[in-house]
Amino acid sequence: MNHRIQGKTILITGASRGLGEQIAYKCAENGANLILTARSMDKLEKIKDIIVDKYGVQVATYRLDVGDRFELEERMDTIIEQNRTIDVLVNNAGFGKFKYLVDTSIEEAEEMFRVNVLGLITVTKKVLPTMMNQKSGHVINIASQAGKLATPKSSIYAATKGAVIKFSDSIRMEVQKNNIFVTTINPGPIHTNFFDIADETGKYLQHVGRWGLDPELLAEKIVMRMFVQTREINLPKLMNFGSILHALFPNVVEKLGKRAFNKK
C-alpha cells in the first residue's frame, strides 16, 4: 500500500483505457480520490462505477480532448474550480503512429504534437498553480523509451516524447522549491490498445513480444512511487540499458541494432 496517497486527489488524463485505466484502479485501491478525464464519457462512467462500488472512493469524470486547445483550457478551468485540490497529476493521454516520415502527413504530425506535447503542457500549466499554493504535489508525465532512443518509423512520435522528457526536466527544477515532484515514465511497448492506432500492420507487438510490459504491473510501479521524489521510471530495464548505451555510443548502437530497430 502507498499510504502517502490515501485521501489525496489524483487527476489522470486518458483514463478510459490502457495504462490510464490501470493507474486509476491502483490509485483507488490505495485509497485515493480520482478525477478521470478522456474523450469517451461512456467508458469513464463504467470505470467510475467499478471503482466506487469496489473501493468507495470519490470519483469525478470529465470529457476532455487534450488535442483541442480551446476546449482543453476551458474544461481544465472547470475541473480546477470544481475540485479545488489536485495532489497528483498523471499526464497519460497520448498516441503514436509508426510510419516512415515520407508516409506521414503533416496533419498527423501536427495532431501528435497537439496531444502528446502541447496538450500535456497545457494541463500541467493549469494544474501547477494549485499545487504551488498547496506547497506540495506530484506531476507524472508518461513519456517513452522512444523519447530516449529514436528508431525508424517513429520520428514524429519519438520527437514528441523527447519533448516531454525535456519539458519535465526543466519544470522539475522550476517547482522544486514548492515541494512539487516531477517524474517521467519511460516505458517500452505496453500490451494495450495503443498499437491499434500506432501499428497498422499489427506485427510490432509480435516482433517485440518479450519486451512488452503488463499495464497492470506498470501501473502498480507508478502508483507506488507517487509522492516519492523520483526522476524517472525506465522499463524494461534491458531496453533502458540500450538507451544509455546509445547516449554514450550512438553510432555503434545504431549499427548493431539496425535489424531490431526496423522491426516495426
Protein backbone atom coordinates (compact mmCIF):
# COMPACT_ATOMS: atom_id res chain seq x y z
CA MET A 1 0.00 0.00 0.00
CA ASN A 2 1.07 3.56 -0.73
CA HIS A 3 -0.35 5.36 2.32
CA ARG A 4 1.01 8.68 1.01
CA ILE A 5 -1.86 8.96 -1.47
CA GLN A 6 -4.67 7.86 0.83
CA GLY A 7 -7.33 10.59 0.73
CA LYS A 8 -5.38 12.54 -1.91
CA THR A 9 -6.93 13.70 -5.19
CA ILE A 10 -5.36 12.39 -8.38
CA LEU A 11 -6.12 13.71 -11.88
CA ILE A 12 -5.50 11.27 -14.73
CA THR A 13 -5.80 12.17 -18.42
CA GLY A 14 -6.53 9.44 -20.94
CA ALA A 15 -8.09 7.36 -18.16
CA SER A 16 -10.67 5.46 -20.22
CA ARG A 17 -8.39 2.59 -21.28
CA GLY A 18 -4.94 1.08 -21.23
CA LEU A 19 -2.36 2.32 -18.77
CA GLY A 20 -4.50 5.26 -17.62
CA GLU A 21 -7.35 2.95 -16.64
CA GLN A 22 -4.99 0.65 -14.73
CA ILE A 23 -3.44 3.61 -12.88
CA ALA A 24 -6.96 4.68 -11.86
CA TYR A 25 -7.70 1.25 -10.38
CA LYS A 26 -4.41 1.14 -8.49
CA CYS A 27 -4.88 4.65 -7.09
CA ALA A 28 -8.37 3.76 -5.87
CA GLU A 29 -7.04 0.55 -4.34
CA ASN A 30 -4.68 2.73 -2.30
CA GLY A 31 -7.49 4.98 -1.07
CA ALA A 32 -7.07 7.96 -3.40
CA ASN A 33 -9.92 10.05 -4.79
CA LEU A 34 -9.94 10.44 -8.56
CA ILE A 35 -10.58 12.93 -11.33
CA LEU A 36 -10.74 10.91 -14.54
CA THR A 37 -10.69 12.52 -17.97
CA ALA A 38 -10.87 11.19 -21.53
CA ARG A 39 -12.82 11.73 -24.73
CA SER A 40 -15.15 8.77 -24.06
CA MET A 41 -17.57 9.53 -21.23
CA ASP A 42 -19.29 6.15 -21.61
CA LYS A 43 -16.05 4.31 -20.80
CA LEU A 44 -15.21 6.71 -17.96
CA GLU A 45 -18.60 6.19 -16.34
CA LYS A 46 -18.20 2.41 -16.45
CA ILE A 47 -14.78 2.70 -14.81
CA LYS A 48 -16.21 5.09 -12.22
CA ASP A 49 -18.99 2.63 -11.33
CA ILE A 50 -16.47 -0.19 -10.87
CA ILE A 51 -14.20 1.94 -8.67
CA VAL A 52 -16.94 3.41 -6.49
CA ASP A 53 -18.55 0.01 -6.00
CA LYS A 54 -15.29 -1.76 -5.17
CA TYR A 55 -13.28 0.88 -3.30
CA GLY A 56 -15.78 3.50 -2.11
CA VAL A 57 -13.59 6.48 -3.05
CA GLN A 58 -14.79 9.69 -4.70
CA VAL A 59 -14.58 9.79 -8.50
CA ALA A 60 -15.31 12.74 -10.78
CA THR A 61 -15.35 12.29 -14.57
CA TYR A 62 -14.94 14.87 -17.32
CA ARG A 63 -14.87 14.69 -21.07
CA LEU A 64 -11.51 16.13 -22.13
CA ASP A 65 -9.98 16.24 -25.58
CA VAL A 66 -6.32 17.02 -24.89
CA GLY A 67 -5.78 17.75 -28.58
CA ASP A 68 -8.33 20.59 -28.67
CA ARG A 69 -6.56 23.56 -27.11
CA PHE A 70 -9.56 25.83 -26.62
CA GLU A 71 -11.83 23.12 -25.20
CA LEU A 72 -8.92 21.92 -23.06
CA GLU A 73 -8.26 25.30 -21.45
CA GLU A 74 -11.95 25.89 -20.72
CA ARG A 75 -12.52 22.38 -19.35
CA MET A 76 -9.40 22.50 -17.17
CA ASP A 77 -10.62 25.75 -15.62
CA THR A 78 -13.88 23.99 -14.76
CA ILE A 79 -12.08 20.97 -13.29
CA ILE A 80 -9.89 23.12 -11.07
CA GLU A 81 -12.80 25.32 -9.96
CA GLN A 82 -14.99 22.33 -9.07
CA ASN A 83 -12.31 20.24 -7.35
CA ARG A 84 -10.07 22.82 -5.68
CA THR A 85 -7.39 20.32 -4.69
CA ILE A 86 -5.24 18.28 -7.08
CA ASP A 87 -2.41 16.45 -5.39
CA VAL A 88 -1.11 14.31 -8.24
CA LEU A 89 -1.37 14.89 -11.99
CA VAL A 90 -0.82 11.95 -14.32
CA ASN A 91 -0.42 13.16 -17.90
CA ASN A 92 -1.21 9.89 -19.62
CA ALA A 93 -3.19 10.93 -22.71
CA GLY A 94 -1.22 10.41 -25.90
CA PHE A 95 -0.92 8.38 -29.07
CA GLY A 96 1.50 7.50 -31.81
CA LYS A 97 1.58 6.39 -35.42
CA PHE A 98 4.51 4.32 -36.62
CA LYS A 99 5.24 5.40 -40.17
CA TYR A 100 8.23 6.48 -42.20
CA LEU A 101 8.41 10.26 -42.37
CA VAL A 102 7.72 10.31 -46.12
CA ASP A 103 4.47 8.43 -45.45
CA THR A 104 3.39 10.68 -42.56
CA SER A 105 1.12 13.61 -43.32
CA ILE A 106 1.75 16.99 -41.75
CA GLU A 107 -1.74 16.73 -40.26
CA GLU A 108 -0.78 13.50 -38.47
CA ALA A 109 2.43 15.06 -37.19
CA GLU A 110 0.59 18.15 -36.00
CA GLU A 111 -2.02 16.05 -34.19
CA MET A 112 0.66 14.05 -32.35
CA PHE A 113 2.33 17.26 -31.18
CA ARG A 114 -1.01 18.79 -30.14
CA VAL A 115 -1.93 15.81 -27.98
CA ASN A 116 1.42 14.48 -26.76
CA VAL A 117 3.19 17.79 -26.16
CA LEU A 118 1.02 20.92 -26.25
CA GLY A 119 -1.90 19.21 -24.52
CA LEU A 120 0.36 17.87 -21.78
CA ILE A 121 1.95 21.30 -21.33
CA THR A 122 -1.46 22.99 -21.13
CA VAL A 123 -2.81 20.60 -18.49
CA THR A 124 0.38 20.95 -16.44
CA LYS A 125 0.34 24.74 -16.67
CA LYS A 126 -3.27 24.81 -15.47
CA VAL A 127 -2.63 22.48 -12.50
CA LEU A 128 0.70 23.81 -11.23
CA PRO A 129 -0.66 26.99 -9.57
CA THR A 130 -2.94 24.83 -7.39
CA MET A 131 -0.01 22.64 -6.35
CA MET A 132 2.17 25.68 -5.73
CA ASN A 133 -0.47 27.17 -3.43
CA GLN A 134 -0.67 23.84 -1.61
CA LYS A 135 3.14 23.73 -1.43
CA SER A 136 3.01 20.09 -2.46
CA GLY A 137 2.22 17.95 -5.46
CA HIS A 138 3.48 15.40 -7.94
CA VAL A 139 3.42 15.66 -11.74
CA ILE A 140 3.86 12.35 -13.54
CA ASN A 141 4.36 12.53 -17.30
CA ILE A 142 4.04 9.38 -19.37
CA ALA A 143 6.83 9.60 -21.94
CA SER A 144 8.51 6.62 -23.65
CA GLN A 145 11.78 4.86 -24.29
CA ALA A 146 11.25 6.23 -27.81
CA GLY A 147 11.97 9.66 -26.38
CA LYS A 148 15.44 8.43 -25.37
CA LEU A 149 16.24 6.16 -28.31
CA ALA A 150 14.51 7.00 -31.57
CA THR A 151 14.12 4.30 -34.22
CA PRO A 152 12.86 4.15 -37.82
CA LYS A 153 9.13 4.76 -38.35
CA SER A 154 8.87 6.72 -35.08
CA SER A 155 10.43 10.05 -35.98
CA ILE A 156 7.41 12.17 -35.03
CA TYR A 157 6.33 10.08 -32.04
CA ALA A 158 9.90 9.96 -30.70
CA ALA A 159 10.19 13.73 -31.16
CA THR A 160 7.03 14.29 -29.09
CA LYS A 161 8.18 12.01 -26.28
CA GLY A 162 11.67 13.52 -26.30
CA ALA A 163 9.99 16.89 -25.88
CA VAL A 164 8.01 15.56 -22.88
CA ILE A 165 11.22 14.37 -21.21
CA LYS A 166 12.99 17.71 -21.68
CA PHE A 167 9.91 19.66 -20.61
CA SER A 168 9.78 17.56 -17.45
CA ASP A 169 13.50 18.08 -16.77
CA SER A 170 13.01 21.84 -16.92
CA ILE A 171 9.89 22.21 -14.79
CA ARG A 172 11.33 19.80 -12.21
CA MET A 173 13.91 22.47 -11.39
CA GLU A 174 11.33 25.26 -11.56
CA VAL A 175 8.95 23.78 -8.97
CA GLN A 176 11.38 22.02 -6.66
CA LYS A 177 11.25 24.94 -4.22
CA ASN A 178 7.47 24.45 -3.96
CA ASN A 179 7.87 20.84 -2.78
CA ILE A 180 6.48 19.52 -6.07
CA PHE A 181 7.97 16.37 -7.61
CA VAL A 182 8.16 15.75 -11.37
CA THR A 183 8.62 12.23 -12.70
CA THR A 184 8.79 10.89 -16.24
CA ILE A 185 7.69 7.35 -17.03
CA ASN A 186 9.66 5.93 -19.95
CA PRO A 187 8.20 2.53 -20.86
CA GLY A 188 8.94 0.35 -23.81
CA PRO A 189 6.00 -1.29 -25.60
CA ILE A 190 3.00 -1.95 -23.37
CA HIS A 191 0.37 -4.60 -24.08
CA THR A 192 -2.52 -2.17 -24.59
CA ASN A 193 -4.69 -1.00 -27.48
CA PHE A 194 -2.15 1.80 -28.12
CA PHE A 195 -0.92 -0.30 -31.02
CA ASP A 196 -4.35 -0.44 -32.65
CA ILE A 197 -3.55 3.07 -33.89
CA ALA A 198 0.25 3.09 -33.77
CA ASP A 199 0.89 -0.04 -35.81
CA GLU A 200 -1.29 -0.51 -38.87
CA THR A 201 0.44 -3.80 -39.74
CA GLY A 202 -0.36 -5.41 -36.39
CA LYS A 203 3.08 -7.04 -36.32
CA TYR A 204 5.06 -4.81 -33.97
CA LEU A 205 3.97 -6.43 -30.71
CA GLN A 206 4.67 -9.84 -32.22
CA HIS A 207 8.24 -8.80 -33.00
CA VAL A 208 8.88 -7.27 -29.58
CA GLY A 209 6.62 -9.53 -27.54
CA ARG A 210 9.27 -10.42 -24.98
CA TRP A 211 9.83 -6.73 -24.27
CA GLY A 212 6.13 -5.99 -23.82
CA LEU A 213 5.08 -4.64 -20.43
CA ASP A 214 1.99 -5.65 -18.46
CA PRO A 215 -0.04 -2.41 -17.99
CA GLU A 216 -1.32 -3.50 -14.57
CA LEU A 217 2.17 -4.18 -13.23
CA LEU A 218 3.48 -0.93 -14.70
CA ALA A 219 0.58 0.99 -13.16
CA GLU A 220 1.40 -0.51 -9.77
CA LYS A 221 5.04 0.61 -10.04
CA ILE A 222 3.92 4.13 -10.94
CA VAL A 223 1.38 4.39 -8.11
CA MET A 224 3.87 3.09 -5.54
CA ARG A 225 6.24 5.94 -6.45
CA MET A 226 3.66 8.70 -6.01
CA PHE A 227 4.92 11.31 -3.55
CA VAL A 228 8.37 9.78 -3.67
CA GLN A 229 10.99 12.02 -5.28
CA THR A 230 11.71 10.03 -8.42
CA ARG A 231 13.28 11.45 -11.56
CA GLU A 232 12.37 8.64 -13.97
CA ILE A 233 10.94 5.15 -14.14
CA ASN A 234 12.52 3.29 -17.05
CA LEU A 235 11.22 -0.10 -18.15
CA PRO A 236 12.03 -2.71 -19.27
CA LYS A 237 15.49 -2.42 -17.73
CA LEU A 238 17.36 -4.07 -20.60
CA MET A 239 15.75 -1.72 -23.14
CA ASN A 240 16.69 1.24 -20.96
CA PHE A 241 20.25 -0.07 -20.84
CA GLY A 242 20.19 0.14 -24.63
CA SER A 243 19.09 3.77 -24.38
CA ILE A 244 22.00 4.52 -22.05
CA LEU A 245 24.46 2.83 -24.41
CA HIS A 246 23.02 4.80 -27.32
CA ALA A 247 23.62 8.06 -25.47
CA LEU A 248 27.26 7.05 -25.00
CA PHE A 249 27.94 5.23 -28.29
CA PRO A 250 25.21 6.23 -30.77
CA ASN A 251 26.93 5.08 -33.97
CA VAL A 252 27.80 1.66 -32.55
CA VAL A 253 24.30 1.04 -31.18
CA GLU A 254 22.59 2.16 -34.39
CA LYS A 255 24.83 -0.10 -36.44
CA LEU A 256 24.46 -3.17 -34.22
CA GLY A 257 20.75 -2.61 -33.61
CA LYS A 258 19.76 -1.83 -37.19
CA ARG A 259 17.91 -5.09 -37.75
CA ALA A 260 15.97 -4.89 -34.49
CA PHE A 261 15.16 -1.20 -34.94
CA ASN A 262 13.49 -1.88 -38.28
CA LYS A 263 11.01 -4.41 -36.90
CA LYS A 264 8.07 -2.01 -36.76
